C-alpha atoms as a PDB file:
ATOM      1  CA  MET A   1      72.767 -18.431 -75.675  1.00  0.00           C
ATOM      2  CA  ALA A   2      70.713 -15.288 -75.149  1.00  0.00           C
ATOM      3  CA  SER A   3      68.344 -15.209 -72.239  1.00  0.00           C
ATOM      4  CA  LYS A   4      64.674 -15.223 -72.993  1.00  0.00           C
ATOM      5  CA  GLU A   5      62.542 -12.491 -71.470  1.00  0.00           C
ATOM      6  CA  PRO A   6      59.604 -13.697 -69.420  1.00  0.00           C
ATOM      7  CA  ASP A   7      56.309 -13.612 -71.146  1.00  0.00           C
ATOM      8  CA  LYS A   8      54.331 -10.524 -70.331  1.00  0.00           C
ATOM      9  CA  PRO A   9      50.586 -10.910 -69.699  1.00  0.00           C
ATOM     10  CA  SER A  10      48.685  -9.763 -72.700  1.00  0.00           C
ATOM     11  CA  THR A  11      46.058  -7.096 -72.353  1.00  0.00           C
ATOM     12  CA  SER A  12      42.833  -7.707 -74.265  1.00  0.00           C
ATOM     13  CA  GLU A  13      41.331  -5.011 -76.451  1.00  0.00           C
ATOM     14  CA  SER A  14      38.331  -4.661 -74.111  1.00  0.00           C
ATOM     15  CA  GLU A  15      40.582  -4.083 -71.073  1.00  0.00           C
ATOM     16  CA  LYS A  16      42.561  -1.428 -72.976  1.00  0.00           C
ATOM     17  CA  SER A  17      39.375   0.418 -73.900  1.00  0.00           C
ATOM     18  CA  GLN A  18      37.992   0.320 -70.357  1.00  0.00           C
ATOM     19  CA  ALA A  19      41.104   1.477 -68.529  1.00  0.00           C
ATOM     20  CA  PRO A  20      40.880   5.114 -69.535  1.00  0.00           C
ATOM     21  CA  LEU A  21      37.110   5.190 -68.710  1.00  0.00           C
ATOM     22  CA  ILE A  22      37.612   3.983 -65.230  1.00  0.00           C
ATOM     23  CA  ALA A  23      40.468   6.438 -64.522  1.00  0.00           C
ATOM     24  CA  SER A  24      38.431   9.410 -65.866  1.00  0.00           C
ATOM     25  CA  VAL A  25      35.215   8.876 -63.854  1.00  0.00           C
ATOM     26  CA  PRO A  26      34.776  11.998 -61.676  1.00  0.00           C
ATOM     27  CA  ALA A  27      34.009  11.672 -58.005  1.00  0.00           C
ATOM     28  CA  VAL A  28      30.312  12.006 -57.263  1.00  0.00           C
ATOM     29  CA  THR A  29      29.491  14.935 -54.986  1.00  0.00           C
ATOM     30  CA  PRO A  30      26.305  14.339 -52.965  1.00  0.00           C
ATOM     31  CA  GLU A  31      23.561  16.881 -53.583  1.00  0.00           C
ATOM     32  CA  ARG A  32      23.098  19.410 -50.825  1.00  0.00           C
ATOM     33  CA  HIS A  33      19.627  20.544 -49.783  1.00  0.00           C
ATOM     34  CA  PRO A  34      19.657  24.204 -48.547  1.00  0.00           C
ATOM     35  CA  LEU A  35      17.403  25.376 -45.838  1.00  0.00           C
ATOM     36  CA  GLN A  36      15.326  28.538 -46.362  1.00  0.00           C
ATOM     37  CA  ASN A  37      17.119  30.149 -43.418  1.00  0.00           C
ATOM     38  CA  LYS A  38      20.458  29.575 -41.822  1.00  0.00           C
ATOM     39  CA  TRP A  39      20.179  28.418 -38.194  1.00  0.00           C
ATOM     40  CA  VAL A  40      22.645  28.565 -35.316  1.00  0.00           C
ATOM     41  CA  LEU A  41      22.762  25.919 -32.552  1.00  0.00           C
ATOM     42  CA  TRP A  42      23.653  27.321 -29.141  1.00  0.00           C
ATOM     43  CA  TYR A  43      24.411  25.624 -25.847  1.00  0.00           C
ATOM     44  CA  LEU A  44      23.980  27.182 -22.436  1.00  0.00           C
ATOM     45  CA  LYS A  45      25.983  25.470 -19.705  1.00  0.00           C
ATOM     46  CA  ASN A  46      24.791  25.931 -16.156  1.00  0.00           C
ATOM     47  CA  ASP A  47      27.836  27.356 -14.381  1.00  0.00           C
ATOM     48  CA  LYS A  48      26.737  29.650 -11.575  1.00  0.00           C
ATOM     49  CA  GLN A  49      30.302  30.918 -11.144  1.00  0.00           C
ATOM     50  CA  LYS A  50      29.981  32.801 -14.485  1.00  0.00           C
ATOM     51  CA  GLU A  51      27.649  35.385 -15.924  1.00  0.00           C
ATOM     52  CA  TRP A  52      24.776  34.054 -18.017  1.00  0.00           C
ATOM     53  CA  LYS A  53      26.176  35.407 -21.223  1.00  0.00           C
ATOM     54  CA  ASP A  54      29.534  33.839 -20.534  1.00  0.00           C
ATOM     55  CA  ASN A  55      27.843  30.392 -20.259  1.00  0.00           C
ATOM     56  CA  LEU A  56      26.382  30.746 -23.725  1.00  0.00           C
ATOM     57  CA  ARG A  57      28.251  28.958 -26.540  1.00  0.00           C
ATOM     58  CA  LYS A  58      27.611  29.118 -30.278  1.00  0.00           C
ATOM     59  CA  ILE A  59      28.074  25.594 -31.563  1.00  0.00           C
ATOM     60  CA  ILE A  60      27.548  25.668 -35.293  1.00  0.00           C
ATOM     61  CA  CYS A  61      25.697  27.393 -38.150  1.00  0.00           C
ATOM     62  CA  ILE A  62      23.442  25.057 -40.130  1.00  0.00           C
ATOM     63  CA  ASP A  63      22.362  25.853 -43.650  1.00  0.00           C
ATOM     64  CA  THR A  64      21.576  22.476 -45.224  1.00  0.00           C
ATOM     65  CA  VAL A  65      19.405  19.495 -44.391  1.00  0.00           C
ATOM     66  CA  GLU A  66      22.581  17.359 -44.403  1.00  0.00           C
ATOM     67  CA  ASP A  67      24.307  19.744 -41.934  1.00  0.00           C
ATOM     68  CA  PHE A  68      21.322  19.578 -39.638  1.00  0.00           C
ATOM     69  CA  TRP A  69      21.214  15.743 -39.454  1.00  0.00           C
ATOM     70  CA  SER A  70      25.012  15.556 -39.135  1.00  0.00           C
ATOM     71  CA  VAL A  71      24.853  17.782 -36.010  1.00  0.00           C
ATOM     72  CA  TYR A  72      21.620  16.337 -34.607  1.00  0.00           C
ATOM     73  CA  ASN A  73      22.859  12.765 -34.805  1.00  0.00           C
ATOM     74  CA  HIS A  74      26.099  13.557 -32.931  1.00  0.00           C
ATOM     75  CA  ILE A  75      24.888  15.610 -29.957  1.00  0.00           C
ATOM     76  CA  LYS A  76      23.184  14.377 -26.786  1.00  0.00           C
ATOM     77  CA  PRO A  77      19.430  14.711 -26.710  1.00  0.00           C
ATOM     78  CA  PRO A  78      18.158  17.382 -24.338  1.00  0.00           C
ATOM     79  CA  SER A  79      17.127  14.797 -21.752  1.00  0.00           C
ATOM     80  CA  GLN A  80      20.778  13.759 -21.392  1.00  0.00           C
ATOM     81  CA  ILE A  81      22.362  17.164 -20.888  1.00  0.00           C
ATOM     82  CA  SER A  82      22.916  18.351 -17.327  1.00  0.00           C
ATOM     83  CA  SER A  83      20.021  19.845 -15.431  1.00  0.00           C
ATOM     84  CA  GLY A  84      19.976  23.607 -15.867  1.00  0.00           C
ATOM     85  CA  CYS A  85      21.491  23.459 -19.333  1.00  0.00           C
ATOM     86  CA  ASP A  86      19.803  24.484 -22.571  1.00  0.00           C
ATOM     87  CA  TYR A  87      19.901  23.835 -26.317  1.00  0.00           C
ATOM     88  CA  MET A  88      18.850  26.776 -28.524  1.00  0.00           C
ATOM     89  CA  LEU A  89      18.285  26.941 -32.263  1.00  0.00           C
ATOM     90  CA  PHE A  90      17.918  30.493 -33.588  1.00  0.00           C
ATOM     91  CA  LYS A  91      18.011  32.064 -37.026  1.00  0.00           C
ATOM     92  CA  GLU A  92      21.440  33.281 -37.948  1.00  0.00           C
ATOM     93  CA  GLY A  93      21.919  36.852 -36.748  1.00  0.00           C
ATOM     94  CA  ILE A  94      19.598  36.502 -33.731  1.00  0.00           C
ATOM     95  CA  GLU A  95      21.168  35.826 -30.368  1.00  0.00           C
ATOM     96  CA  PRO A  96      19.064  33.674 -27.980  1.00  0.00           C
ATOM     97  CA  MET A  97      18.441  36.389 -25.413  1.00  0.00           C
ATOM     98  CA  TRP A  98      15.642  38.900 -24.839  1.00  0.00           C
ATOM     99  CA  GLU A  99      18.169  41.724 -25.105  1.00  0.00           C
ATOM    100  CA  ASP A 100      18.682  40.997 -28.841  1.00  0.00           C
ATOM    101  CA  LYS A 101      16.933  43.664 -30.927  1.00  0.00           C
ATOM    102  CA  THR A 102      14.952  41.070 -32.884  1.00  0.00           C
ATOM    103  CA  ASN A 103      13.559  39.455 -29.690  1.00  0.00           C
ATOM    104  CA  LYS A 104      12.862  42.508 -27.584  1.00  0.00           C
ATOM    105  CA  ASP A 105       9.328  43.127 -28.879  1.00  0.00           C
ATOM    106  CA  GLY A 106       8.569  39.433 -29.196  1.00  0.00           C
ATOM    107  CA  GLY A 107       7.190  36.718 -26.979  1.00  0.00           C
ATOM    108  CA  ARG A 108       7.262  32.978 -26.714  1.00  0.00           C
ATOM    109  CA  TRP A 109       5.051  29.942 -26.717  1.00  0.00           C
ATOM    110  CA  LEU A 110       5.998  27.713 -23.784  1.00  0.00           C
ATOM    111  CA  LEU A 111       5.496  24.035 -23.505  1.00  0.00           C
ATOM    112  CA  ASN A 112       5.955  22.555 -19.956  1.00  0.00           C
ATOM    113  CA  ILE A 113       6.871  18.898 -19.862  1.00  0.00           C
ATOM    114  CA  ASP A 114       6.388  16.960 -16.681  1.00  0.00           C
ATOM    115  CA  LYS A 115       9.629  15.529 -15.354  1.00  0.00           C
ATOM    116  CA  ARG A 116       8.017  12.105 -15.101  1.00  0.00           C
ATOM    117  CA  ASP A 117       7.640  12.091 -18.867  1.00  0.00           C
ATOM    118  CA  ARG A 118      11.395  12.286 -19.406  1.00  0.00           C
ATOM    119  CA  LYS A 119      11.836   8.553 -19.196  1.00  0.00           C
ATOM    120  CA  ASP A 120       9.314   8.167 -22.026  1.00  0.00           C
ATOM    121  CA  GLY A 121      11.380  10.454 -24.295  1.00  0.00           C
ATOM    122  CA  VAL A 122       8.821  13.260 -24.429  1.00  0.00           C
ATOM    123  CA  LEU A 123      11.359  16.077 -24.151  1.00  0.00           C
ATOM    124  CA  ASP A 124      13.558  14.615 -26.891  1.00  0.00           C
ATOM    125  CA  ASN A 125      10.587  13.901 -29.209  1.00  0.00           C
ATOM    126  CA  VAL A 126       9.039  17.301 -28.737  1.00  0.00           C
ATOM    127  CA  TRP A 127      12.420  18.966 -29.264  1.00  0.00           C
ATOM    128  CA  MET A 128      12.951  17.078 -32.508  1.00  0.00           C
ATOM    129  CA  GLU A 129       9.439  17.926 -33.739  1.00  0.00           C
ATOM    130  CA  THR A 130      10.063  21.581 -32.865  1.00  0.00           C
ATOM    131  CA  LEU A 131      13.314  21.619 -34.791  1.00  0.00           C
ATOM    132  CA  MET A 132      11.540  20.035 -37.802  1.00  0.00           C
ATOM    133  CA  CYS A 133       8.896  22.733 -37.666  1.00  0.00           C
ATOM    134  CA  LEU A 134      11.562  25.455 -37.538  1.00  0.00           C
ATOM    135  CA  ILE A 135      13.920  24.317 -40.256  1.00  0.00           C
ATOM    136  CA  GLY A 136      10.991  23.101 -42.373  1.00  0.00           C
ATOM    137  CA  GLU A 137       9.344  26.533 -42.154  1.00  0.00           C
ATOM    138  CA  ILE A 138       6.024  24.916 -41.404  1.00  0.00           C
ATOM    139  CA  PHE A 139       4.497  28.081 -40.069  1.00  0.00           C
ATOM    140  CA  ASP A 140       3.837  29.362 -43.595  1.00  0.00           C
ATOM    141  CA  ASP A 141       3.607  33.190 -43.698  1.00  0.00           C
ATOM    142  CA  SER A 142       4.217  33.268 -39.945  1.00  0.00           C
ATOM    143  CA  SER A 143       7.660  31.623 -40.297  1.00  0.00           C
ATOM    144  CA  ASP A 144       9.224  35.060 -40.720  1.00  0.00           C
ATOM    145  CA  ASP A 145       8.040  35.823 -37.208  1.00  0.00           C
ATOM    146  CA  ILE A 146       9.895  32.889 -35.677  1.00  0.00           C
ATOM    147  CA  CYS A 147      13.186  33.763 -34.032  1.00  0.00           C
ATOM    148  CA  GLY A 148      14.103  30.351 -32.637  1.00  0.00           C
ATOM    149  CA  ALA A 149      13.457  27.732 -29.997  1.00  0.00           C
ATOM    150  CA  VAL A 150      14.867  26.656 -26.623  1.00  0.00           C
ATOM    151  CA  ALA A 151      14.900  23.224 -24.929  1.00  0.00           C
ATOM    152  CA  GLN A 152      15.571  23.484 -21.181  1.00  0.00           C
ATOM    153  CA  ASN A 153      16.464  20.501 -19.069  1.00  0.00           C
ATOM    154  CA  ARG A 154      15.263  21.274 -15.530  1.00  0.00           C
ATOM    155  CA  THR A 155      15.035  19.262 -12.321  1.00  0.00           C
ATOM    156  CA  LYS A 156      11.408  20.203 -11.640  1.00  0.00           C
ATOM    157  CA  GLY A 157      10.230  19.790 -15.263  1.00  0.00           C
ATOM    158  CA  ASP A 158      11.502  20.468 -18.718  1.00  0.00           C
ATOM    159  CA  LYS A 159      10.459  23.272 -21.050  1.00  0.00           C
ATOM    160  CA  ILE A 160      10.473  23.970 -24.749  1.00  0.00           C
ATOM    161  CA  SER A 161       9.769  27.431 -26.028  1.00  0.00           C
ATOM    162  CA  ILE A 162       9.318  28.952 -29.455  1.00  0.00           C
ATOM    163  CA  TRP A 163      10.347  32.607 -29.568  1.00  0.00           C
ATOM    164  CA  THR A 164       8.496  35.085 -31.769  1.00  0.00           C
ATOM    165  CA  ARG A 165       9.636  38.389 -33.290  1.00  0.00           C
ATOM    166  CA  VAL A 166       6.611  40.701 -32.636  1.00  0.00           C
ATOM    167  CA  ALA A 167       4.102  39.836 -29.886  1.00  0.00           C
ATOM    168  CA  LYS A 168       1.656  42.490 -31.205  1.00  0.00           C
ATOM    169  CA  ASN A 169       1.306  40.721 -34.518  1.00  0.00           C
ATOM    170  CA  LYS A 170      -1.653  38.682 -33.177  1.00  0.00           C
ATOM    171  CA  ASP A 171      -2.565  36.934 -36.462  1.00  0.00           C
ATOM    172  CA  HIS A 172       0.901  35.456 -36.820  1.00  0.00           C
ATOM    173  CA  VAL A 173       1.248  34.696 -33.067  1.00  0.00           C
ATOM    174  CA  HIS A 174      -2.097  32.809 -33.147  1.00  0.00           C
ATOM    175  CA  ARG A 175      -1.094  30.961 -36.334  1.00  0.00           C
ATOM    176  CA  ILE A 176       2.132  29.828 -34.687  1.00  0.00           C
ATOM    177  CA  GLY A 177       0.197  28.780 -31.592  1.00  0.00           C
ATOM    178  CA  TYR A 178      -2.277  26.861 -33.732  1.00  0.00           C
ATOM    179  CA  VAL A 179       0.496  24.879 -35.478  1.00  0.00           C
ATOM    180  CA  ILE A 180       2.146  24.151 -32.108  1.00  0.00           C
ATOM    181  CA  LYS A 181      -1.119  22.902 -30.672  1.00  0.00           C
ATOM    182  CA  PHE A 182      -1.665  20.725 -33.753  1.00  0.00           C
ATOM    183  CA  PHE A 183       1.742  19.095 -33.570  1.00  0.00           C
ATOM    184  CA  TYR A 184       1.910  18.591 -29.788  1.00  0.00           C
END
């Protein structure tokens, strides 16, 4: 007596027609949203045993909205970094120091934040708003005159500054100051 093969499950016609479709669906690549400028995040660690420039670290170059949020959501806010340390966000190609050729004829708008306001999140909120203004190019025609911004965590009081390219360009400097005053 010959052995009988077990019954194989039958495949319906609809299952046969769907199988190739499922296998051929391409992976969806999320859309990227480029920024108008590329920005570099820097970190300055307060180590008095080293020269200032040796304490400066380039963290990452950011060129899309997605890159920005990926970095921002995974770093400590400025209120939680050690006292004496800084975050800096500058346009690519500009180092966050006055000796850089782009900064040497410029200036800065400086916001002093009382240390008592740290517990209320003022430093972190103002830093986030500053970053949004920079990467969003909210300064209109004056955005080209922006070099970057610095958040400084200090024992006596925190500071946020926005660095400009040419201090003598009064119209653009005043426009930048007007926008800063409006947002803060």
